[in-house]
């Protein structure tokens, strides 16, 4: 009997399923609905891929040093992959170099890492996944010109992201370059960093309206700043004169668009970014190489008419 029990016990050990892979996911702040939607995508992507994950974030989109500390702490758990959304192009590089040295692949969420800067620091990025931020900015300009016409004239304000952040820079550049190409009479009279901060964006918009009372449009590199700008525009009694466009398509922006305040947002579909990131890491770990260094998720312009119609297939990814 003892022998039978021992054999049964051994068979039980050998029959145990292999331990699921565990990924470390480091984001910016979950107080921003953009990252909240991406976290939901990560969660559902992990369920679909049959992997585990642990996710950490910092207090704000500006908490660079704390994010580095969190990254180093996450490495102590020796994850099977590090999926990170860096606050800027350089802050996480020492940590990510350590990850590479430990044999841990690094994935860049939302295109926050500059591949050349990373390579110069000895960091190998398995792939970046997110929207084409230059194209997203250009899409905002195309929509604006579609509303005002190619012959439109007047001052335009661009509110950038955090100074030094590649994501905000690309969105602002994509918008300004496409606007100049399509409607040269629409002149960008100021392009200033709003630091992803709603209050700062509101103040920038107020100052610009004071200097340029005939302002016709504001392009903000994320929805939080766009919502700050729209508050100022309405407070100045110019809600029907100044078009405000954001980027992200987050839940707060959707509510504002539906209520008729915010005019548009170029939706980045962060839910889809998070979901596909985890699923692609699983495939990569299984031997399937990613389709290039950059994986782009589609974007779309959200407006009241698009949301009210509800017929656009990609709306299912707007969370």
C-alpha atoms as a PDB file:
ATOM      1  CA  UNK A   1       0.000   0.000   0.000  1.00  0.00           C
ATOM      2  CA  UNK A   2       2.823   2.355   0.916  1.00  0.00           C
ATOM      3  CA  UNK A   3       4.491   1.755  -2.438  1.00  0.00           C
ATOM      4  CA  UNK A   4       1.231   2.459  -4.275  1.00  0.00           C
ATOM      5  CA  UNK A   5       0.738   5.724  -2.394  1.00  0.00           C
ATOM      6  CA  UNK A   6       4.299   6.791  -3.136  1.00  0.00           C
ATOM      7  CA  UNK A   7       3.920   6.095  -6.837  1.00  0.00           C
ATOM      8  CA  UNK A   8       0.578   7.900  -6.885  1.00  0.00           C
ATOM      9  CA  UNK A   9       2.146  10.874  -5.167  1.00  0.00           C
ATOM     10  CA  UNK A  10       4.987  10.950  -7.689  1.00  0.00           C
ATOM     11  CA  UNK A  11       2.565  10.729 -10.567  1.00  0.00           C
ATOM     12  CA  UNK A  12       0.659  13.620  -9.042  1.00  0.00           C
ATOM     13  CA  UNK A  13       3.821  15.723  -8.993  1.00  0.00           C
ATOM     14  CA  UNK A  14       4.600  14.987 -12.626  1.00  0.00           C
ATOM     15  CA  UNK A  15       1.013  15.740 -13.605  1.00  0.00           C
ATOM     16  CA  UNK A  16       1.093  19.231 -12.101  1.00  0.00           C
ATOM     17  CA  UNK A  17       0.630  21.910 -14.776  1.00  0.00           C
ATOM     18  CA  UNK A  18       3.558  24.160 -15.583  1.00  0.00           C
ATOM     19  CA  UNK A  19       3.567  27.432 -13.692  1.00  0.00           C
ATOM     20  CA  UNK A  20       2.099  30.290 -15.737  1.00  0.00           C
ATOM     21  CA  UNK A  21       4.451  32.989 -16.941  1.00  0.00           C
ATOM     22  CA  UNK A  22       4.303  36.216 -14.978  1.00  0.00           C
ATOM     23  CA  UNK A  23       4.806  39.641 -16.560  1.00  0.00           C
ATOM     24  CA  UNK A  24       5.679  42.857 -14.775  1.00  0.00           C
ATOM     25  CA  UNK A  25       3.623  45.793 -16.062  1.00  0.00           C
ATOM     26  CA  UNK A  26       4.755  49.307 -15.145  1.00  0.00           C
ATOM     27  CA  UNK A  27       2.500  52.219 -16.090  1.00  0.00           C
ATOM     28  CA  UNK A  28       2.250  55.910 -15.384  1.00  0.00           C
ATOM     29  CA  UNK A  29      -0.695  56.945 -13.224  1.00  0.00           C
ATOM     30  CA  UNK A  30      -3.966  55.011 -13.071  1.00  0.00           C
ATOM     31  CA  UNK A  31      -5.723  58.252 -12.081  1.00  0.00           C
ATOM     32  CA  UNK A  32      -5.576  59.080 -15.797  1.00  0.00           C
ATOM     33  CA  UNK A  33      -8.462  57.245 -17.566  1.00  0.00           C
ATOM     34  CA  UNK A  34      -6.114  56.506 -20.492  1.00  0.00           C
ATOM     35  CA  UNK A  35      -3.969  54.243 -18.325  1.00  0.00           C
ATOM     36  CA  UNK A  36      -7.026  52.854 -16.570  1.00  0.00           C
ATOM     37  CA  UNK A  37      -8.348  51.658 -19.931  1.00  0.00           C
ATOM     38  CA  UNK A  38      -4.966  50.187 -20.787  1.00  0.00           C
ATOM     39  CA  UNK A  39      -4.906  48.325 -17.448  1.00  0.00           C
ATOM     40  CA  UNK A  40      -8.266  46.774 -18.362  1.00  0.00           C
ATOM     41  CA  UNK A  41      -6.771  45.666 -21.672  1.00  0.00           C
ATOM     42  CA  UNK A  42      -3.763  44.150 -19.894  1.00  0.00           C
ATOM     43  CA  UNK A  43      -6.068  42.256 -17.537  1.00  0.00           C
ATOM     44  CA  UNK A  44      -8.209  40.820 -20.314  1.00  0.00           C
ATOM     45  CA  UNK A  45      -5.166  40.131 -22.496  1.00  0.00           C
ATOM     46  CA  UNK A  46      -3.566  38.178 -19.646  1.00  0.00           C
ATOM     47  CA  UNK A  47      -6.749  36.138 -19.210  1.00  0.00           C
ATOM     48  CA  UNK A  48      -6.839  35.374 -22.932  1.00  0.00           C
ATOM     49  CA  UNK A  49      -3.139  34.444 -23.027  1.00  0.00           C
ATOM     50  CA  UNK A  50      -3.237  32.363 -19.845  1.00  0.00           C
ATOM     51  CA  UNK A  51      -0.494  34.350 -18.090  1.00  0.00           C
ATOM     52  CA  UNK A  52      -0.172  36.100 -14.769  1.00  0.00           C
ATOM     53  CA  UNK A  53       0.871  39.712 -14.292  1.00  0.00           C
ATOM     54  CA  UNK A  54       1.486  42.233 -11.570  1.00  0.00           C
ATOM     55  CA  UNK A  55       0.958  45.888 -12.332  1.00  0.00           C
ATOM     56  CA  UNK A  56       2.266  48.980 -10.606  1.00  0.00           C
ATOM     57  CA  UNK A  57       1.921  52.668 -11.359  1.00  0.00           C
ATOM     58  CA  UNK A  58       3.063  55.967  -9.879  1.00  0.00           C
ATOM     59  CA  UNK A  59       1.115  58.941  -8.562  1.00  0.00           C
ATOM     60  CA  UNK A  60       1.327  61.198 -11.595  1.00  0.00           C
ATOM     61  CA  UNK A  61       2.509  61.463 -15.190  1.00  0.00           C
ATOM     62  CA  UNK A  62       5.442  63.523 -13.888  1.00  0.00           C
ATOM     63  CA  UNK A  63       6.763  61.177 -11.162  1.00  0.00           C
ATOM     64  CA  UNK A  64       9.906  60.171 -13.045  1.00  0.00           C
ATOM     65  CA  UNK A  65      12.251  59.263 -10.175  1.00  0.00           C
ATOM     66  CA  UNK A  66       9.553  57.330  -8.285  1.00  0.00           C
ATOM     67  CA  UNK A  67       8.867  55.367 -11.463  1.00  0.00           C
ATOM     68  CA  UNK A  68      12.518  54.339 -11.674  1.00  0.00           C
ATOM     69  CA  UNK A  69      12.375  53.162  -8.060  1.00  0.00           C
ATOM     70  CA  UNK A  70       9.238  51.125  -8.750  1.00  0.00           C
ATOM     71  CA  UNK A  71      10.881  49.582 -11.815  1.00  0.00           C
ATOM     72  CA  UNK A  72      13.896  48.458  -9.800  1.00  0.00           C
ATOM     73  CA  UNK A  73      11.621  46.977  -7.138  1.00  0.00           C
ATOM     74  CA  UNK A  74       9.635  45.078  -9.767  1.00  0.00           C
ATOM     75  CA  UNK A  75      12.816  43.456 -11.058  1.00  0.00           C
ATOM     76  CA  UNK A  76      13.375  41.844  -7.678  1.00  0.00           C
ATOM     77  CA  UNK A  77      10.463  39.532  -8.521  1.00  0.00           C
ATOM     78  CA  UNK A  78      12.266  38.377 -11.698  1.00  0.00           C
ATOM     79  CA  UNK A  79       9.307  38.608 -14.094  1.00  0.00           C
ATOM     80  CA  UNK A  80       9.317  36.728 -17.394  1.00  0.00           C
ATOM     81  CA  UNK A  81       8.913  40.058 -19.231  1.00  0.00           C
ATOM     82  CA  UNK A  82       8.837  43.775 -18.401  1.00  0.00           C
ATOM     83  CA  UNK A  83       6.091  45.772 -20.106  1.00  0.00           C
ATOM     84  CA  UNK A  84       6.671  49.452 -19.379  1.00  0.00           C
ATOM     85  CA  UNK A  85       5.196  52.873 -20.115  1.00  0.00           C
ATOM     86  CA  UNK A  86       8.086  55.188 -19.292  1.00  0.00           C
ATOM     87  CA  UNK A  87       7.417  58.761 -18.188  1.00  0.00           C
ATOM     88  CA  UNK A  88      10.210  59.952 -20.471  1.00  0.00           C
ATOM     89  CA  UNK A  89      12.760  58.478 -22.866  1.00  0.00           C
ATOM     90  CA  UNK A  90      15.598  58.116 -20.368  1.00  0.00           C
ATOM     91  CA  UNK A  91      14.399  57.647 -16.782  1.00  0.00           C
ATOM     92  CA  UNK A  92      13.910  53.859 -16.894  1.00  0.00           C
ATOM     93  CA  UNK A  93      16.979  52.991 -18.965  1.00  0.00           C
ATOM     94  CA  UNK A  94      19.202  51.869 -16.039  1.00  0.00           C
ATOM     95  CA  UNK A  95      16.445  49.570 -14.792  1.00  0.00           C
ATOM     96  CA  UNK A  96      15.677  48.220 -18.254  1.00  0.00           C
ATOM     97  CA  UNK A  97      19.390  47.563 -18.843  1.00  0.00           C
ATOM     98  CA  UNK A  98      19.341  45.464 -15.668  1.00  0.00           C
ATOM     99  CA  UNK A  99      16.305  43.625 -16.984  1.00  0.00           C
ATOM    100  CA  UNK A 100      18.112  42.786 -20.220  1.00  0.00           C
ATOM    101  CA  UNK A 101      21.172  41.631 -18.268  1.00  0.00           C
ATOM    102  CA  UNK A 102      18.854  39.283 -16.337  1.00  0.00           C
ATOM    103  CA  UNK A 103      17.526  37.856 -19.604  1.00  0.00           C
ATOM    104  CA  UNK A 104      14.172  39.620 -19.250  1.00  0.00           C
ATOM    105  CA  UNK A 105      12.714  41.027 -22.501  1.00  0.00           C
ATOM    106  CA  UNK A 106      11.555  44.650 -22.443  1.00  0.00           C
ATOM    107  CA  UNK A 107       8.409  45.903 -24.172  1.00  0.00           C
ATOM    108  CA  UNK A 108       7.613  49.595 -24.636  1.00  0.00           C
ATOM    109  CA  UNK A 109       3.972  50.551 -24.093  1.00  0.00           C
ATOM    110  CA  UNK A 110       2.577  53.515 -26.025  1.00  0.00           C
ATOM    111  CA  UNK A 111       5.860  54.404 -27.739  1.00  0.00           C
ATOM    112  CA  UNK A 112       7.396  56.223 -24.771  1.00  0.00           C
ATOM    113  CA  UNK A 113      10.947  55.001 -25.419  1.00  0.00           C
ATOM    114  CA  UNK A 114      13.218  56.277 -28.168  1.00  0.00           C
ATOM    115  CA  UNK A 115      14.818  53.197 -29.700  1.00  0.00           C
ATOM    116  CA  UNK A 116      18.090  54.938 -30.582  1.00  0.00           C
ATOM    117  CA  UNK A 117      18.505  56.470 -27.126  1.00  0.00           C
ATOM    118  CA  UNK A 118      17.718  53.073 -25.607  1.00  0.00           C
ATOM    119  CA  UNK A 119      20.215  51.269 -27.838  1.00  0.00           C
ATOM    120  CA  UNK A 120      22.927  53.807 -26.961  1.00  0.00           C
ATOM    121  CA  UNK A 121      22.263  52.970 -23.296  1.00  0.00           C
ATOM    122  CA  UNK A 122      22.609  49.254 -23.994  1.00  0.00           C
ATOM    123  CA  UNK A 123      18.874  48.535 -23.783  1.00  0.00           C
ATOM    124  CA  UNK A 124      17.266  46.167 -26.272  1.00  0.00           C
ATOM    125  CA  UNK A 125      13.551  46.838 -26.786  1.00  0.00           C
ATOM    126  CA  UNK A 126      11.745  43.726 -27.993  1.00  0.00           C
ATOM    127  CA  UNK A 127       9.043  45.894 -29.544  1.00  0.00           C
ATOM    128  CA  UNK A 128       7.060  49.083 -29.009  1.00  0.00           C
ATOM    129  CA  UNK A 129       3.278  48.966 -29.233  1.00  0.00           C
ATOM    130  CA  UNK A 130       0.905  51.889 -29.364  1.00  0.00           C
ATOM    131  CA  UNK A 131      -0.574  54.373 -31.762  1.00  0.00           C
ATOM    132  CA  UNK A 132       1.440  56.183 -34.396  1.00  0.00           C
ATOM    133  CA  UNK A 133       1.571  59.446 -32.460  1.00  0.00           C
ATOM    134  CA  UNK A 134       2.669  61.540 -35.439  1.00  0.00           C
ATOM    135  CA  UNK A 135      -0.241  60.148 -37.453  1.00  0.00           C
ATOM    136  CA  UNK A 136      -2.627  60.764 -34.539  1.00  0.00           C
ATOM    137  CA  UNK A 137      -1.640  64.428 -34.431  1.00  0.00           C
ATOM    138  CA  UNK A 138      -2.005  64.668 -38.198  1.00  0.00           C
ATOM    139  CA  UNK A 139      -5.449  63.069 -37.951  1.00  0.00           C
ATOM    140  CA  UNK A 140      -6.480  65.831 -35.564  1.00  0.00           C
ATOM    141  CA  UNK A 141      -5.328  68.464 -38.061  1.00  0.00           C
ATOM    142  CA  UNK A 142      -7.135  66.744 -40.927  1.00  0.00           C
ATOM    143  CA  UNK A 143     -10.376  66.711 -38.965  1.00  0.00           C
ATOM    144  CA  UNK A 144      -9.989  70.387 -38.020  1.00  0.00           C
ATOM    145  CA  UNK A 145      -9.401  71.433 -41.620  1.00  0.00           C
ATOM    146  CA  UNK A 146     -12.413  69.333 -42.597  1.00  0.00           C
ATOM    147  CA  UNK A 147     -14.500  71.491 -40.255  1.00  0.00           C
ATOM    148  CA  UNK A 148     -13.046  74.899 -41.135  1.00  0.00           C
ATOM    149  CA  UNK A 149     -11.928  74.450 -44.759  1.00  0.00           C
ATOM    150  CA  UNK A 150      -8.512  74.686 -46.406  1.00  0.00           C
ATOM    151  CA  UNK A 151      -8.888  78.465 -46.830  1.00  0.00           C
ATOM    152  CA  UNK A 152      -9.541  79.080 -43.128  1.00  0.00           C
ATOM    153  CA  UNK A 153      -7.416  81.635 -41.323  1.00  0.00           C
ATOM    154  CA  UNK A 154      -6.720  82.389 -37.690  1.00  0.00           C
ATOM    155  CA  UNK A 155      -4.544  81.571 -34.693  1.00  0.00           C
ATOM    156  CA  UNK A 156      -4.283  78.046 -33.286  1.00  0.00           C
ATOM    157  CA  UNK A 157      -2.880  76.923 -29.931  1.00  0.00           C
ATOM    158  CA  UNK A 158      -1.002  73.653 -29.453  1.00  0.00           C
ATOM    159  CA  UNK A 159      -0.644  72.323 -25.899  1.00  0.00           C
ATOM    160  CA  UNK A 160       2.160  69.779 -25.739  1.00  0.00           C
ATOM    161  CA  UNK A 161       2.719  67.061 -23.151  1.00  0.00           C
ATOM    162  CA  UNK A 162       5.472  66.851 -20.563  1.00  0.00           C
ATOM    163  CA  UNK A 163       8.661  68.498 -21.770  1.00  0.00           C
ATOM    164  CA  UNK A 164      11.028  65.789 -23.018  1.00  0.00           C
ATOM    165  CA  UNK A 165       8.291  63.183 -23.473  1.00  0.00           C
ATOM    166  CA  UNK A 166       8.468  61.717 -26.968  1.00  0.00           C
ATOM    167  CA  UNK A 167       4.759  60.856 -27.139  1.00  0.00           C
ATOM    168  CA  UNK A 168       3.550  64.434 -26.670  1.00  0.00           C
ATOM    169  CA  UNK A 169       6.254  65.770 -28.965  1.00  0.00           C
ATOM    170  CA  UNK A 170       5.195  63.476 -31.800  1.00  0.00           C
ATOM    171  CA  UNK A 171       1.505  64.333 -31.431  1.00  0.00           C
ATOM    172  CA  UNK A 172       2.194  68.074 -31.426  1.00  0.00           C
ATOM    173  CA  UNK A 173       4.586  67.845 -34.377  1.00  0.00           C
ATOM    174  CA  UNK A 174       2.217  65.665 -36.388  1.00  0.00           C
ATOM    175  CA  UNK A 175      -0.598  68.144 -35.844  1.00  0.00           C
ATOM    176  CA  UNK A 176       1.441  71.281 -36.632  1.00  0.00           C
ATOM    177  CA  UNK A 177       3.081  69.853 -39.760  1.00  0.00           C
ATOM    178  CA  UNK A 178      -0.177  68.540 -41.228  1.00  0.00           C
ATOM    179  CA  UNK A 179      -2.004  71.801 -40.422  1.00  0.00           C
ATOM    180  CA  UNK A 180       0.656  73.822 -42.219  1.00  0.00           C
ATOM    181  CA  UNK A 181       0.349  71.517 -45.223  1.00  0.00           C
ATOM    182  CA  UNK A 182      -3.447  71.528 -45.454  1.00  0.00           C
ATOM    183  CA  UNK A 183      -4.380  75.043 -44.297  1.00  0.00           C
ATOM    184  CA  UNK A 184      -1.442  77.462 -44.157  1.00  0.00           C
ATOM    185  CA  UNK A 185      -3.772  80.261 -43.006  1.00  0.00           C
ATOM    186  CA  UNK A 186      -4.330  78.475 -39.700  1.00  0.00           C
ATOM    187  CA  UNK A 187      -1.231  79.602 -37.834  1.00  0.00           C
ATOM    188  CA  UNK A 188       0.117  77.940 -34.697  1.00  0.00           C
ATOM    189  CA  UNK A 189       0.779  81.025 -32.564  1.00  0.00           C
ATOM    190  CA  UNK A 190       1.913  79.088 -29.471  1.00  0.00           C
ATOM    191  CA  UNK A 191       3.068  75.540 -28.773  1.00  0.00           C
ATOM    192  CA  UNK A 192       3.648  75.119 -25.054  1.00  0.00           C
ATOM    193  CA  UNK A 193       4.151  72.169 -22.671  1.00  0.00           C
ATOM    194  CA  UNK A 194       1.069  71.548 -20.546  1.00  0.00           C
ATOM    195  CA  UNK A 195       2.823  68.717 -18.647  1.00  0.00           C
ATOM    196  CA  UNK A 196      -0.281  66.491 -19.076  1.00  0.00           C
ATOM    197  CA  UNK A 197      -1.898  68.725 -16.438  1.00  0.00           C
ATOM    198  CA  UNK A 198      -5.511  69.879 -16.797  1.00  0.00           C
ATOM    199  CA  UNK A 199      -5.067  73.011 -14.701  1.00  0.00           C
ATOM    200  CA  UNK A 200      -1.911  74.101 -16.493  1.00  0.00           C
ATOM    201  CA  UNK A 201      -3.602  73.594 -19.859  1.00  0.00           C
ATOM    202  CA  UNK A 202      -6.514  75.766 -18.688  1.00  0.00           C
ATOM    203  CA  UNK A 203      -4.081  78.552 -17.737  1.00  0.00           C
ATOM    204  CA  UNK A 204      -2.201  78.291 -21.048  1.00  0.00           C
ATOM    205  CA  UNK A 205      -5.485  78.550 -22.928  1.00  0.00           C
ATOM    206  CA  UNK A 206      -6.524  81.589 -20.869  1.00  0.00           C
ATOM    207  CA  UNK A 207      -3.225  83.360 -21.563  1.00  0.00           C
ATOM    208  CA  UNK A 208      -3.439  82.574 -25.265  1.00  0.00           C
ATOM    209  CA  UNK A 209      -7.030  83.782 -25.504  1.00  0.00           C
ATOM    210  CA  UNK A 210      -5.962  87.030 -23.861  1.00  0.00           C
ATOM    211  CA  UNK A 211      -3.163  87.490 -26.402  1.00  0.00           C
ATOM    212  CA  UNK A 212      -5.230  86.192 -29.332  1.00  0.00           C
ATOM    213  CA  UNK A 213      -8.944  86.773 -28.673  1.00  0.00           C
ATOM    214  CA  UNK A 214      -9.718  85.591 -32.210  1.00  0.00           C
ATOM    215  CA  UNK A 215      -8.313  82.101 -31.450  1.00  0.00           C
ATOM    216  CA  UNK A 216     -10.050  79.504 -33.620  1.00  0.00           C
ATOM    217  CA  UNK A 217      -8.764  76.166 -32.316  1.00  0.00           C
ATOM    218  CA  UNK A 218      -6.811  74.354 -29.608  1.00  0.00           C
ATOM    219  CA  UNK A 219      -5.058  71.031 -30.099  1.00  0.00           C
ATOM    220  CA  UNK A 220      -4.032  69.354 -26.841  1.00  0.00           C
ATOM    221  CA  UNK A 221      -1.730  66.325 -26.783  1.00  0.00           C
ATOM    222  CA  UNK A 222      -4.018  64.472 -24.381  1.00  0.00           C
ATOM    223  CA  UNK A 223      -7.633  64.600 -23.277  1.00  0.00           C
ATOM    224  CA  UNK A 224      -6.962  65.816 -19.750  1.00  0.00           C
ATOM    225  CA  UNK A 225      -5.372  68.972 -21.126  1.00  0.00           C
ATOM    226  CA  UNK A 226      -8.112  69.312 -23.757  1.00  0.00           C
ATOM    227  CA  UNK A 227     -10.714  69.253 -20.988  1.00  0.00           C
ATOM    228  CA  UNK A 228      -8.805  71.989 -19.170  1.00  0.00           C
ATOM    229  CA  UNK A 229      -8.758  74.030 -22.377  1.00  0.00           C
ATOM    230  CA  UNK A 230     -12.496  73.578 -22.979  1.00  0.00           C
ATOM    231  CA  UNK A 231     -13.272  74.788 -19.453  1.00  0.00           C
ATOM    232  CA  UNK A 232     -11.403  78.015 -20.160  1.00  0.00           C
ATOM    233  CA  UNK A 233     -13.018  78.432 -23.575  1.00  0.00           C
ATOM    234  CA  UNK A 234     -16.521  78.130 -22.104  1.00  0.00           C
ATOM    235  CA  UNK A 235     -15.644  80.385 -19.171  1.00  0.00           C
ATOM    236  CA  UNK A 236     -14.620  83.016 -21.713  1.00  0.00           C
ATOM    237  CA  UNK A 237     -17.981  82.649 -23.475  1.00  0.00           C
ATOM    238  CA  UNK A 238     -16.359  81.268 -26.622  1.00  0.00           C
ATOM    239  CA  UNK A 239     -17.631  77.709 -26.610  1.00  0.00           C
ATOM    240  CA  UNK A 240     -19.170  78.146 -30.049  1.00  0.00           C
ATOM    241  CA  UNK A 241     -16.110  79.920 -31.494  1.00  0.00           C
ATOM    242  CA  UNK A 242     -13.085  77.835 -30.507  1.00  0.00           C
ATOM    243  CA  UNK A 243     -12.737  74.206 -31.579  1.00  0.00           C
ATOM    244  CA  UNK A 244     -10.906  72.031 -29.053  1.00  0.00           C
ATOM    245  CA  UNK A 245      -9.381  68.675 -29.980  1.00  0.00           C
ATOM    246  CA  UNK A 246      -7.778  66.198 -27.604  1.00  0.00           C
ATOM    247  CA  UNK A 247      -5.977  62.881 -27.987  1.00  0.00           C
ATOM    248  CA  UNK A 248      -6.662  59.538 -26.246  1.00  0.00           C
ATOM    249  CA  UNK A 249     -10.423  59.024 -26.402  1.00  0.00           C
ATOM    250  CA  UNK A 250     -10.659  58.409 -22.670  1.00  0.00           C
ATOM    251  CA  UNK A 251     -13.906  58.050 -20.723  1.00  0.00           C
ATOM    252  CA  UNK A 252     -13.929  61.660 -19.479  1.00  0.00           C
ATOM    253  CA  UNK A 253     -13.450  62.959 -23.009  1.00  0.00           C
ATOM    254  CA  UNK A 254     -16.239  60.733 -24.316  1.00  0.00           C
ATOM    255  CA  UNK A 255     -18.618  62.162 -21.697  1.00  0.00           C
ATOM    256  CA  UNK A 256     -17.650  65.720 -22.636  1.00  0.00           C
ATOM    257  CA  UNK A 257     -18.071  65.050 -26.364  1.00  0.00           C
ATOM    258  CA  UNK A 258     -21.474  63.457 -25.824  1.00  0.00           C
ATOM    259  CA  UNK A 259     -22.563  66.508 -23.803  1.00  0.00           C
ATOM    260  CA  UNK A 260     -21.574  68.792 -26.680  1.00  0.00           C
ATOM    261  CA  UNK A 261     -18.595  70.496 -25.052  1.00  0.00           C
ATOM    262  CA  UNK A 262     -15.328  68.922 -26.245  1.00  0.00           C
ATOM    263  CA  UNK A 263     -15.402  68.902 -30.043  1.00  0.00           C
ATOM    264  CA  UNK A 264     -13.261  65.860 -30.803  1.00  0.00           C
ATOM    265  CA  UNK A 265     -10.640  63.433 -29.556  1.00  0.00           C
ATOM    266  CA  UNK A 266      -8.273  61.299 -31.591  1.00  0.00           C
ATOM    267  CA  UNK A 267      -8.879  57.986 -29.837  1.00  0.00           C
ATOM    268  CA  UNK A 268      -5.710  55.999 -29.166  1.00  0.00           C
ATOM    269  CA  UNK A 269      -7.618  52.881 -28.067  1.00  0.00           C
ATOM    270  CA  UNK A 270      -5.430  52.220 -24.986  1.00  0.00           C
ATOM    271  CA  UNK A 271      -7.508  49.168 -24.078  1.00  0.00           C
ATOM    272  CA  UNK A 272      -6.443  47.534 -27.344  1.00  0.00           C
ATOM    273  CA  UNK A 273      -2.807  48.536 -26.778  1.00  0.00           C
ATOM    274  CA  UNK A 274      -2.741  46.846 -23.361  1.00  0.00           C
ATOM    275  CA  UNK A 275      -4.525  43.715 -24.542  1.00  0.00           C
ATOM    276  CA  UNK A 276      -2.408  43.198 -27.634  1.00  0.00           C
ATOM    277  CA  UNK A 277       0.825  43.931 -25.742  1.00  0.00           C
ATOM    278  CA  UNK A 278       0.306  41.019 -23.368  1.00  0.00           C
ATOM    279  CA  UNK A 279      -0.895  38.662 -26.085  1.00  0.00           C
ATOM    280  CA  UNK A 280       2.091  39.494 -28.296  1.00  0.00           C
ATOM    281  CA  UNK A 281       4.565  38.980 -25.457  1.00  0.00           C
ATOM    282  CA  UNK A 282       3.059  35.537 -24.921  1.00  0.00           C
ATOM    283  CA  UNK A 283       3.487  34.758 -28.629  1.00  0.00           C
ATOM    284  CA  UNK A 284       7.047  36.106 -28.571  1.00  0.00           C
ATOM    285  CA  UNK A 285       7.932  33.940 -25.587  1.00  0.00           C
ATOM    286  CA  UNK A 286       6.514  31.016 -27.533  1.00  0.00           C
ATOM    287  CA  UNK A 287       8.913  31.641 -30.417  1.00  0.00           C
ATOM    288  CA  UNK A 288       6.912  33.917 -32.729  1.00  0.00           C
ATOM    289  CA  UNK A 289       8.886  37.065 -33.534  1.00  0.00           C
ATOM    290  CA  UNK A 290       6.941  40.372 -33.461  1.00  0.00           C
ATOM    291  CA  UNK A 291       6.167  42.023 -36.797  1.00  0.00           C
ATOM    292  CA  UNK A 292       8.907  44.624 -36.539  1.00  0.00           C
ATOM    293  CA  UNK A 293      10.170  46.979 -33.847  1.00  0.00           C
ATOM    294  CA  UNK A 294       6.974  49.058 -33.859  1.00  0.00           C
ATOM    295  CA  UNK A 295       3.447  47.693 -33.676  1.00  0.00           C
ATOM    296  CA  UNK A 296       0.817  50.315 -34.432  1.00  0.00           C
ATOM    297  CA  UNK A 297      -2.746  50.127 -33.147  1.00  0.00           C
ATOM    298  CA  UNK A 298      -5.291  52.124 -35.225  1.00  0.00           C
ATOM    299  CA  UNK A 299      -6.679  55.489 -34.157  1.00  0.00           C
ATOM    300  CA  UNK A 300     -10.008  57.146 -34.874  1.00  0.00           C
ATOM    301  CA  UNK A 301     -11.530  60.592 -34.414  1.00  0.00           C
ATOM    302  CA  UNK A 302     -14.348  60.585 -31.873  1.00  0.00           C
ATOM    303  CA  UNK A 303     -17.028  63.227 -32.328  1.00  0.00           C
ATOM    304  CA  UNK A 304     -20.582  63.585 -31.062  1.00  0.00           C
ATOM    305  CA  UNK A 305     -21.984  62.351 -34.374  1.00  0.00           C
ATOM    306  CA  UNK A 306     -19.738  59.255 -34.341  1.00  0.00           C
ATOM    307  CA  UNK A 307     -20.642  58.435 -30.741  1.00  0.00           C
ATOM    308  CA  UNK A 308     -24.361  59.067 -31.224  1.00  0.00           C
ATOM    309  CA  UNK A 309     -24.469  56.891 -34.356  1.00  0.00           C
ATOM    310  CA  UNK A 310     -22.609  54.053 -32.615  1.00  0.00           C
ATOM    311  CA  UNK A 311     -21.970  52.234 -35.895  1.00  0.00           C
ATOM    312  CA  UNK A 312     -18.165  52.492 -36.058  1.00  0.00           C
ATOM    313  CA  UNK A 313     -16.787  48.962 -35.395  1.00  0.00           C
ATOM    314  CA  UNK A 314     -13.767  50.241 -33.454  1.00  0.00           C
ATOM    315  CA  UNK A 315     -16.027  51.820 -30.835  1.00  0.00           C
ATOM    316  CA  UNK A 316     -16.016  48.466 -29.023  1.00  0.00           C
ATOM    317  CA  UNK A 317     -12.423  49.225 -27.990  1.00  0.00           C
ATOM    318  CA  UNK A 318     -13.236  52.670 -26.580  1.00  0.00           C
ATOM    319  CA  UNK A 319     -13.343  52.051 -22.830  1.00  0.00           C
END
